[in-house]
Amino acid sequence: MYSYALLENGCHYLIQEKEDSPITLIQVTVESDHCLYVTMFGDEEAMVWRRKNDSIFDIIELVSDETVKEWESLYNKDAYNYEEDDE
């Protein structure tokens, strides 16, 4: 088991919070003495506080800046196409 304390501010990670949970892309956006403010990317973005000692089942990888840029272009494209479909 890992904890949020291992994650660095400003970085993107692929994690699995629990053994049977889906893989989630997160970004640590703010760090306080005892907590991290984390953006979780899924069907919708969620911004949540996590205690540094909260457990993570697996930290799969630290995602490179290049991979994040590639993912953002797809993520933003999907969001744009979704908005067009609503009209």
PDB file of N, CA and C in Angstrom:
ATOM      1  N   MET A   1       0.839  -1.195   0.000  1.00  0.00           N
ATOM      2  CA  MET A   1       0.000   0.000   0.000  1.00  0.00           C
ATOM      3  C   MET A   1       0.876   1.248   0.000  1.00  0.00           C
ATOM      4  N   TYR A   2       0.396   2.226  -0.707  1.00  0.00           N
ATOM      5  CA  TYR A   2       1.063   3.514  -0.785  1.00  0.00           C
ATOM      6  C   TYR A   2       0.177   4.563  -0.119  1.00  0.00           C
ATOM      7  N   SER A   3       0.672   5.797  -0.061  1.00  0.00           N
ATOM      8  CA  SER A   3      -0.145   6.886   0.466  1.00  0.00           C
ATOM      9  C   SER A   3       0.036   8.121  -0.414  1.00  0.00           C
ATOM     10  N   TYR A   4      -0.874   9.066  -0.246  1.00  0.00           N
ATOM     11  CA  TYR A   4      -0.809  10.306  -1.013  1.00  0.00           C
ATOM     12  C   TYR A   4       0.443  11.116  -0.690  1.00  0.00           C
ATOM     13  N   ALA A   5       1.063  10.864   0.446  1.00  0.00           N
ATOM     14  CA  ALA A   5       2.274  11.589   0.838  1.00  0.00           C
ATOM     15  C   ALA A   5       3.411  11.384  -0.161  1.00  0.00           C
ATOM     16  N   LEU A   6       3.369  10.322  -0.929  1.00  0.00           N
ATOM     17  CA  LEU A   6       4.421  10.030  -1.905  1.00  0.00           C
ATOM     18  C   LEU A   6       4.293  10.864  -3.179  1.00  0.00           C
ATOM     19  N   LEU A   7       3.144  11.509  -3.385  1.00  0.00           N
ATOM     20  CA  LEU A   7       2.892  12.234  -4.630  1.00  0.00           C
ATOM     21  C   LEU A   7       3.411  13.663  -4.557  1.00  0.00           C
ATOM     22  N   GLU A   8       3.912  14.157  -5.684  1.00  0.00           N
ATOM     23  CA  GLU A   8       4.499  15.494  -5.743  1.00  0.00           C
ATOM     24  C   GLU A   8       3.531  16.503  -6.343  1.00  0.00           C
ATOM     25  N   ASN A   9       3.566  17.697  -5.793  1.00  0.00           N
ATOM     26  CA  ASN A   9       2.717  18.793  -6.248  1.00  0.00           C
ATOM     27  C   ASN A   9       3.000  19.109  -7.717  1.00  0.00           C
ATOM     28  N   GLY A  10       1.921  19.287  -8.515  1.00  0.00           N
ATOM     29  CA  GLY A  10       2.054  19.645  -9.920  1.00  0.00           C
ATOM     30  C   GLY A  10       2.188  18.462 -10.861  1.00  0.00           C
ATOM     31  N   CYS A  11       2.333  17.275 -10.333  1.00  0.00           N
ATOM     32  CA  CYS A  11       2.547  16.093 -11.177  1.00  0.00           C
ATOM     33  C   CYS A  11       1.246  15.337 -11.428  1.00  0.00           C
ATOM     34  N   HIS A  12       1.219  14.625 -12.564  1.00  0.00           N
ATOM     35  CA  HIS A  12       0.106  13.759 -12.934  1.00  0.00           C
ATOM     36  C   HIS A  12       0.504  12.312 -12.644  1.00  0.00           C
ATOM     37  N   TYR A  13      -0.451  11.541 -12.144  1.00  0.00           N
ATOM     38  CA  TYR A  13      -0.219  10.137 -11.833  1.00  0.00           C
ATOM     39  C   TYR A  13      -1.390   9.292 -12.295  1.00  0.00           C
ATOM     40  N   LEU A  14      -1.112   8.065 -12.672  1.00  0.00           N
ATOM     41  CA  LEU A  14      -2.145   7.057 -12.839  1.00  0.00           C
ATOM     42  C   LEU A  14      -2.126   6.229 -11.569  1.00  0.00           C
ATOM     43  N   ILE A  15      -3.280   6.195 -10.894  1.00  0.00           N
ATOM     44  CA  ILE A  15      -3.353   5.470  -9.627  1.00  0.00           C
ATOM     45  C   ILE A  15      -4.579   4.563  -9.600  1.00  0.00           C
ATOM     46  N   GLN A  16      -4.561   3.669  -8.642  1.00  0.00           N
ATOM     47  CA  GLN A  16      -5.718   2.846  -8.324  1.00  0.00           C
ATOM     48  C   GLN A  16      -5.902   2.988  -6.820  1.00  0.00           C
ATOM     49  N   GLU A  17      -6.976   3.683  -6.402  1.00  0.00           N
ATOM     50  CA  GLU A  17      -7.158   3.958  -4.971  1.00  0.00           C
ATOM     51  C   GLU A  17      -7.423   2.693  -4.165  1.00  0.00           C
ATOM     52  N   LYS A  18      -8.235   1.794  -4.723  1.00  0.00           N
ATOM     53  CA  LYS A  18      -8.532   0.516  -4.064  1.00  0.00           C
ATOM     54  C   LYS A  18      -8.265  -0.601  -5.053  1.00  0.00           C
ATOM     55  N   GLU A  19      -8.080  -1.790  -4.549  1.00  0.00           N
ATOM     56  CA  GLU A  19      -7.700  -2.917  -5.394  1.00  0.00           C
ATOM     57  C   GLU A  19      -8.676  -3.139  -6.546  1.00  0.00           C
ATOM     58  N   ASP A  20      -9.953  -2.975  -6.315  1.00  0.00           N
ATOM     59  CA  ASP A  20     -10.950  -3.247  -7.341  1.00  0.00           C
ATOM     60  C   ASP A  20     -11.479  -1.987  -8.030  1.00  0.00           C
ATOM     61  N   SER A  21     -10.856  -0.843  -7.785  1.00  0.00           N
ATOM     62  CA  SER A  21     -11.316   0.406  -8.401  1.00  0.00           C
ATOM     63  C   SER A  21     -10.647   0.605  -9.764  1.00  0.00           C
ATOM     64  N   PRO A  22     -11.267   1.434 -10.624  1.00  0.00           N
ATOM     65  CA  PRO A  22     -10.660   1.689 -11.933  1.00  0.00           C
ATOM     66  C   PRO A  22      -9.394   2.536 -11.811  1.00  0.00           C
ATOM     67  N   ILE A  23      -8.583   2.510 -12.835  1.00  0.00           N
ATOM     68  CA  ILE A  23      -7.388   3.356 -12.898  1.00  0.00           C
ATOM     69  C   ILE A  23      -7.845   4.787 -13.138  1.00  0.00           C
ATOM     70  N   THR A  24      -7.256   5.722 -12.406  1.00  0.00           N
ATOM     71  CA  THR A  24      -7.653   7.126 -12.473  1.00  0.00           C
ATOM     72  C   THR A  24      -6.430   7.995 -12.707  1.00  0.00           C
ATOM     73  N   LEU A  25      -6.588   8.982 -13.591  1.00  0.00           N
ATOM     74  CA  LEU A  25      -5.549   9.989 -13.783  1.00  0.00           C
ATOM     75  C   LEU A  25      -5.816  11.111 -12.798  1.00  0.00           C
ATOM     76  N   ILE A  26      -4.798  11.487 -12.026  1.00  0.00           N
ATOM     77  CA  ILE A  26      -4.943  12.580 -11.071  1.00  0.00           C
ATOM     78  C   ILE A  26      -3.796  13.569 -11.249  1.00  0.00           C
ATOM     79  N   GLN A  27      -4.032  14.780 -10.760  1.00  0.00           N
ATOM     80  CA  GLN A  27      -2.975  15.788 -10.683  1.00  0.00           C
ATOM     81  C   GLN A  27      -3.031  16.403  -9.299  1.00  0.00           C
ATOM     82  N   VAL A  28      -1.895  16.452  -8.633  1.00  0.00           N
ATOM     83  CA  VAL A  28      -1.793  17.126  -7.348  1.00  0.00           C
ATOM     84  C   VAL A  28      -1.660  18.615  -7.633  1.00  0.00           C
ATOM     85  N   THR A  29      -2.591  19.426  -7.091  1.00  0.00           N
ATOM     86  CA  THR A  29      -2.593  20.851  -7.422  1.00  0.00           C
ATOM     87  C   THR A  29      -2.195  21.749  -6.257  1.00  0.00           C
ATOM     88  N   VAL A  30      -2.439  21.305  -5.021  1.00  0.00           N
ATOM     89  CA  VAL A  30      -2.069  22.098  -3.846  1.00  0.00           C
ATOM     90  C   VAL A  30      -1.636  21.135  -2.749  1.00  0.00           C
ATOM     91  N   GLU A  31      -0.611  21.538  -2.017  1.00  0.00           N
ATOM     92  CA  GLU A  31      -0.138  20.727  -0.891  1.00  0.00           C
ATOM     93  C   GLU A  31      -0.125  21.579   0.364  1.00  0.00           C
ATOM     94  N   SER A  32      -0.757  21.073   1.428  1.00  0.00           N
ATOM     95  CA  SER A  32      -0.695  21.727   2.733  1.00  0.00           C
ATOM     96  C   SER A  32       0.161  20.851   3.650  1.00  0.00           C
ATOM     97  N   ASP A  33       0.214  21.188   4.910  1.00  0.00           N
ATOM     98  CA  ASP A  33       1.021  20.396   5.839  1.00  0.00           C
ATOM     99  C   ASP A  33       0.531  18.953   5.958  1.00  0.00           C
ATOM    100  N   HIS A  34      -0.791  18.765   5.899  1.00  0.00           N
ATOM    101  CA  HIS A  34      -1.342  17.429   6.149  1.00  0.00           C
ATOM    102  C   HIS A  34      -2.183  16.862   5.012  1.00  0.00           C
ATOM    103  N   CYS A  35      -2.459  17.670   3.986  1.00  0.00           N
ATOM    104  CA  CYS A  35      -3.367  17.241   2.919  1.00  0.00           C
ATOM    105  C   CYS A  35      -2.859  17.637   1.533  1.00  0.00           C
ATOM    106  N   LEU A  36      -3.490  17.043   0.522  1.00  0.00           N
ATOM    107  CA  LEU A  36      -3.252  17.389  -0.871  1.00  0.00           C
ATOM    108  C   LEU A  36      -4.597  17.686  -1.519  1.00  0.00           C
ATOM    109  N   TYR A  37      -4.641  18.709  -2.344  1.00  0.00           N
ATOM    110  CA  TYR A  37      -5.818  19.003  -3.157  1.00  0.00           C
ATOM    111  C   TYR A  37      -5.557  18.372  -4.512  1.00  0.00           C
ATOM    112  N   VAL A  38      -6.409  17.450  -4.899  1.00  0.00           N
ATOM    113  CA  VAL A  38      -6.166  16.600  -6.055  1.00  0.00           C
ATOM    114  C   VAL A  38      -7.289  16.770  -7.075  1.00  0.00           C
ATOM    115  N   THR A  39      -6.911  16.924  -8.340  1.00  0.00           N
ATOM    116  CA  THR A  39      -7.885  16.901  -9.427  1.00  0.00           C
ATOM    117  C   THR A  39      -7.898  15.495  -9.988  1.00  0.00           C
ATOM    118  N   MET A  40      -9.094  14.898 -10.020  1.00  0.00           N
ATOM    119  CA  MET A  40      -9.268  13.550 -10.566  1.00  0.00           C
ATOM    120  C   MET A  40      -9.993  13.673 -11.898  1.00  0.00           C
ATOM    121  N   PHE A  41      -9.408  13.082 -12.927  1.00  0.00           N
ATOM    122  CA  PHE A  41      -9.971  13.161 -14.265  1.00  0.00           C
ATOM    123  C   PHE A  41     -10.669  11.854 -14.601  1.00  0.00           C
ATOM    124  N   GLY A  42     -11.918  11.964 -14.933  1.00  0.00           N
ATOM    125  CA  GLY A  42     -12.717  10.814 -15.353  1.00  0.00           C
ATOM    126  C   GLY A  42     -13.750  11.308 -16.335  1.00  0.00           C
ATOM    127  N   ASP A  43     -14.954  10.760 -16.260  1.00  0.00           N
ATOM    128  CA  ASP A  43     -16.035  11.265 -17.104  1.00  0.00           C
ATOM    129  C   ASP A  43     -16.253  12.749 -16.824  1.00  0.00           C
ATOM    130  N   GLU A  44     -16.077  13.128 -15.570  1.00  0.00           N
ATOM    131  CA  GLU A  44     -16.117  14.526 -15.151  1.00  0.00           C
ATOM    132  C   GLU A  44     -14.926  14.768 -14.235  1.00  0.00           C
ATOM    133  N   GLU A  45     -14.446  16.012 -14.216  1.00  0.00           N
ATOM    134  CA  GLU A  45     -13.365  16.347 -13.294  1.00  0.00           C
ATOM    135  C   GLU A  45     -13.930  16.466 -11.890  1.00  0.00           C
ATOM    136  N   ALA A  46     -13.167  16.006 -10.926  1.00  0.00           N
ATOM    137  CA  ALA A  46     -13.535  16.157  -9.519  1.00  0.00           C
ATOM    138  C   ALA A  46     -12.311  16.686  -8.781  1.00  0.00           C
ATOM    139  N   MET A  47     -12.518  17.687  -7.956  1.00  0.00           N
ATOM    140  CA  MET A  47     -11.429  18.239  -7.159  1.00  0.00           C
ATOM    141  C   MET A  47     -11.720  17.916  -5.698  1.00  0.00           C
ATOM    142  N   VAL A  48     -10.785  17.217  -5.064  1.00  0.00           N
ATOM    143  CA  VAL A  48     -11.003  16.719  -3.711  1.00  0.00           C
ATOM    144  C   VAL A  48      -9.752  16.908  -2.859  1.00  0.00           C
ATOM    145  N   TRP A  49      -9.968  17.019  -1.562  1.00  0.00           N
ATOM    146  CA  TRP A  49      -8.864  17.010  -0.612  1.00  0.00           C
ATOM    147  C   TRP A  49      -8.640  15.580  -0.165  1.00  0.00           C
ATOM    148  N   ARG A  50      -7.389  15.184  -0.058  1.00  0.00           N
ATOM    149  CA  ARG A  50      -7.007  13.874   0.475  1.00  0.00           C
ATOM    150  C   ARG A  50      -5.957  14.099   1.561  1.00  0.00           C
ATOM    151  N   ARG A  51      -6.084  13.349   2.648  1.00  0.00           N
ATOM    152  CA  ARG A  51      -5.043  13.384   3.679  1.00  0.00           C
ATOM    153  C   ARG A  51      -3.788  12.727   3.118  1.00  0.00           C
ATOM    154  N   LYS A  52      -2.650  13.215   3.520  1.00  0.00           N
ATOM    155  CA  LYS A  52      -1.398  12.615   3.040  1.00  0.00           C
ATOM    156  C   LYS A  52      -1.280  11.160   3.464  1.00  0.00           C
ATOM    157  N   ASN A  53      -1.899  10.801   4.604  1.00  0.00           N
ATOM    158  CA  ASN A  53      -1.794   9.412   5.065  1.00  0.00           C
ATOM    159  C   ASN A  53      -2.919   8.520   4.525  1.00  0.00           C
ATOM    160  N   ASP A  54      -3.827   9.055   3.660  1.00  0.00           N
ATOM    161  CA  ASP A  54      -4.829   8.218   3.000  1.00  0.00           C
ATOM    162  C   ASP A  54      -4.126   7.222   2.092  1.00  0.00           C
ATOM    163  N   SER A  55      -4.638   6.011   2.081  1.00  0.00           N
ATOM    164  CA  SER A  55      -3.952   4.960   1.324  1.00  0.00           C
ATOM    165  C   SER A  55      -4.333   4.961  -0.148  1.00  0.00           C
ATOM    166  N   ILE A  56      -3.394   4.497  -0.948  1.00  0.00           N
ATOM    167  CA  ILE A  56      -3.562   4.264  -2.381  1.00  0.00           C
ATOM    168  C   ILE A  56      -3.125   2.823  -2.608  1.00  0.00           C
ATOM    169  N   PHE A  57      -3.967   2.048  -3.260  1.00  0.00           N
ATOM    170  CA  PHE A  57      -3.612   0.652  -3.517  1.00  0.00           C
ATOM    171  C   PHE A  57      -2.375   0.554  -4.400  1.00  0.00           C
ATOM    172  N   ASP A  58      -2.350   1.357  -5.493  1.00  0.00           N
ATOM    173  CA  ASP A  58      -1.202   1.281  -6.405  1.00  0.00           C
ATOM    174  C   ASP A  58      -0.983   2.624  -7.097  1.00  0.00           C
ATOM    175  N   ILE A  59       0.246   3.083  -7.110  1.00  0.00           N
ATOM    176  CA  ILE A  59       0.666   4.214  -7.936  1.00  0.00           C
ATOM    177  C   ILE A  59       1.271   3.571  -9.172  1.00  0.00           C
ATOM    178  N   ILE A  60       0.515   3.578 -10.252  1.00  0.00           N
ATOM    179  CA  ILE A  60       0.926   2.850 -11.450  1.00  0.00           C
ATOM    180  C   ILE A  60       2.088   3.537 -12.135  1.00  0.00           C
ATOM    181  N   GLU A  61       1.962   4.868 -12.312  1.00  0.00           N
ATOM    182  CA  GLU A  61       3.086   5.590 -12.912  1.00  0.00           C
ATOM    183  C   GLU A  61       2.941   7.093 -12.742  1.00  0.00           C
ATOM    184  N   LEU A  62       4.082   7.754 -12.757  1.00  0.00           N
ATOM    185  CA  LEU A  62       4.156   9.203 -12.878  1.00  0.00           C
ATOM    186  C   LEU A  62       4.077   9.468 -14.374  1.00  0.00           C
ATOM    187  N   VAL A  63       3.054  10.228 -14.806  1.00  0.00           N
ATOM    188  CA  VAL A  63       2.817  10.439 -16.227  1.00  0.00           C
ATOM    189  C   VAL A  63       3.708  11.575 -16.725  1.00  0.00           C
ATOM    190  N   SER A  64       4.409  11.345 -17.822  1.00  0.00           N
ATOM    191  CA  SER A  64       5.325  12.347 -18.377  1.00  0.00           C
ATOM    192  C   SER A  64       4.547  13.545 -18.921  1.00  0.00           C
ATOM    193  N   ASP A  65       5.222  14.693 -19.003  1.00  0.00           N
ATOM    194  CA  ASP A  65       4.605  15.908 -19.549  1.00  0.00           C
ATOM    195  C   ASP A  65       4.131  15.686 -20.986  1.00  0.00           C
ATOM    196  N   GLU A  66       4.907  14.965 -21.760  1.00  0.00           N
ATOM    197  CA  GLU A  66       4.559  14.681 -23.155  1.00  0.00           C
ATOM    198  C   GLU A  66       3.263  13.866 -23.229  1.00  0.00           C
ATOM    199  N   THR A  67       3.146  12.857 -22.387  1.00  0.00           N
ATOM    200  CA  THR A  67       1.942  12.034 -22.369  1.00  0.00           C
ATOM    201  C   THR A  67       0.740  12.839 -21.892  1.00  0.00           C
ATOM    202  N   VAL A  68       0.939  13.727 -20.920  1.00  0.00           N
ATOM    203  CA  VAL A  68      -0.148  14.582 -20.441  1.00  0.00           C
ATOM    204  C   VAL A  68      -0.641  15.479 -21.568  1.00  0.00           C
ATOM    205  N   LYS A  69       0.261  16.065 -22.334  1.00  0.00           N
ATOM    206  CA  LYS A  69      -0.137  16.923 -23.457  1.00  0.00           C
ATOM    207  C   LYS A  69      -0.935  16.133 -24.487  1.00  0.00           C
ATOM    208  N   GLU A  70      -0.489  14.928 -24.786  1.00  0.00           N
ATOM    209  CA  GLU A  70      -1.201  14.072 -25.732  1.00  0.00           C
ATOM    210  C   GLU A  70      -2.593  13.739 -25.199  1.00  0.00           C
ATOM    211  N   TRP A  71      -2.681  13.378 -23.928  1.00  0.00           N
ATOM    212  CA  TRP A  71      -3.968  13.065 -23.309  1.00  0.00           C
ATOM    213  C   TRP A  71      -4.875  14.295 -23.291  1.00  0.00           C
ATOM    214  N   GLU A  72      -4.332  15.478 -22.949  1.00  0.00           N
ATOM    215  CA  GLU A  72      -5.138  16.700 -22.902  1.00  0.00           C
ATOM    216  C   GLU A  72      -5.758  17.018 -24.253  1.00  0.00           C
ATOM    217  N   SER A  73      -5.010  16.804 -25.340  1.00  0.00           N
ATOM    218  CA  SER A  73      -5.564  17.084 -26.664  1.00  0.00           C
ATOM    219  C   SER A  73      -6.754  16.171 -26.948  1.00  0.00           C
ATOM    220  N   LEU A  74      -6.690  14.926 -26.528  1.00  0.00           N
ATOM    221  CA  LEU A  74      -7.814  14.003 -26.708  1.00  0.00           C
ATOM    222  C   LEU A  74      -8.958  14.324 -25.756  1.00  0.00           C
ATOM    223  N   TYR A  75      -8.640  14.611 -24.517  1.00  0.00           N
ATOM    224  CA  TYR A  75      -9.642  14.916 -23.489  1.00  0.00           C
ATOM    225  C   TYR A  75     -10.419  16.176 -23.868  1.00  0.00           C
ATOM    226  N   ASN A  76      -9.709  17.220 -24.295  1.00  0.00           N
ATOM    227  CA  ASN A  76     -10.363  18.468 -24.685  1.00  0.00           C
ATOM    228  C   ASN A  76     -11.153  18.300 -25.984  1.00  0.00           C
ATOM    229  N   LYS A  77     -10.662  17.483 -26.896  1.00  0.00           N
ATOM    230  CA  LYS A  77     -11.377  17.213 -28.143  1.00  0.00           C
ATOM    231  C   LYS A  77     -12.694  16.512 -27.843  1.00  0.00           C
ATOM    232  N   ASP A  78     -12.658  15.525 -26.952  1.00  0.00           N
ATOM    233  CA  ASP A  78     -13.881  14.816 -26.571  1.00  0.00           C
ATOM    234  C   ASP A  78     -14.876  15.764 -25.920  1.00  0.00           C
ATOM    235  N   ALA A  79     -14.415  16.672 -25.079  1.00  0.00           N
ATOM    236  CA  ALA A  79     -15.297  17.632 -24.417  1.00  0.00           C
ATOM    237  C   ALA A  79     -15.921  18.563 -25.455  1.00  0.00           C
ATOM    238  N   TYR A  80     -15.148  19.003 -26.433  1.00  0.00           N
ATOM    239  CA  TYR A  80     -15.637  19.887 -27.484  1.00  0.00           C
ATOM    240  C   TYR A  80     -16.681  19.163 -28.339  1.00  0.00           C
ATOM    241  N   ASN A  81     -16.412  17.930 -28.711  1.00  0.00           N
ATOM    242  CA  ASN A  81     -17.358  17.152 -29.509  1.00  0.00           C
ATOM    243  C   ASN A  81     -18.640  16.878 -28.739  1.00  0.00           C
ATOM    244  N   TYR A  82     -18.543  16.670 -27.457  1.00  0.00           N
ATOM    245  CA  TYR A  82     -19.713  16.429 -26.615  1.00  0.00           C
ATOM    246  C   TYR A  82     -20.618  17.655 -26.620  1.00  0.00           C
ATOM    247  N   GLU A  83     -20.022  18.853 -26.506  1.00  0.00           N
ATOM    248  CA  GLU A  83     -20.789  20.090 -26.521  1.00  0.00           C
ATOM    249  C   GLU A  83     -21.488  20.279 -27.857  1.00  0.00           C
ATOM    250  N   GLU A  84     -20.853  19.927 -28.970  1.00  0.00           N
ATOM    251  CA  GLU A  84     -21.454  20.049 -30.283  1.00  0.00           C
ATOM    252  C   GLU A  84     -22.649  19.119 -30.428  1.00  0.00           C
ATOM    253  N   ASP A  85     -22.577  17.925 -29.829  1.00  0.00           N
ATOM    254  CA  ASP A  85     -23.661  16.945 -29.927  1.00  0.00           C
ATOM    255  C   ASP A  85     -24.906  17.407 -29.185  1.00  0.00           C
ATOM    256  N   ASP A  86     -24.753  18.267 -28.187  1.00  0.00           N
ATOM    257  CA  ASP A  86     -25.885  18.740 -27.396  1.00  0.00           C
ATOM    258  C   ASP A  86     -26.797  19.677 -28.177  1.00  0.00           C
ATOM    259  N   GLU A  87     -26.274  20.331 -29.199  1.00  0.00           N
ATOM    260  CA  GLU A  87     -27.059  21.331 -29.936  1.00  0.00           C
ATOM    261  C   GLU A  87     -28.058  20.722 -30.873  1.00  0.00           C
TER     262      GLU A  87
END
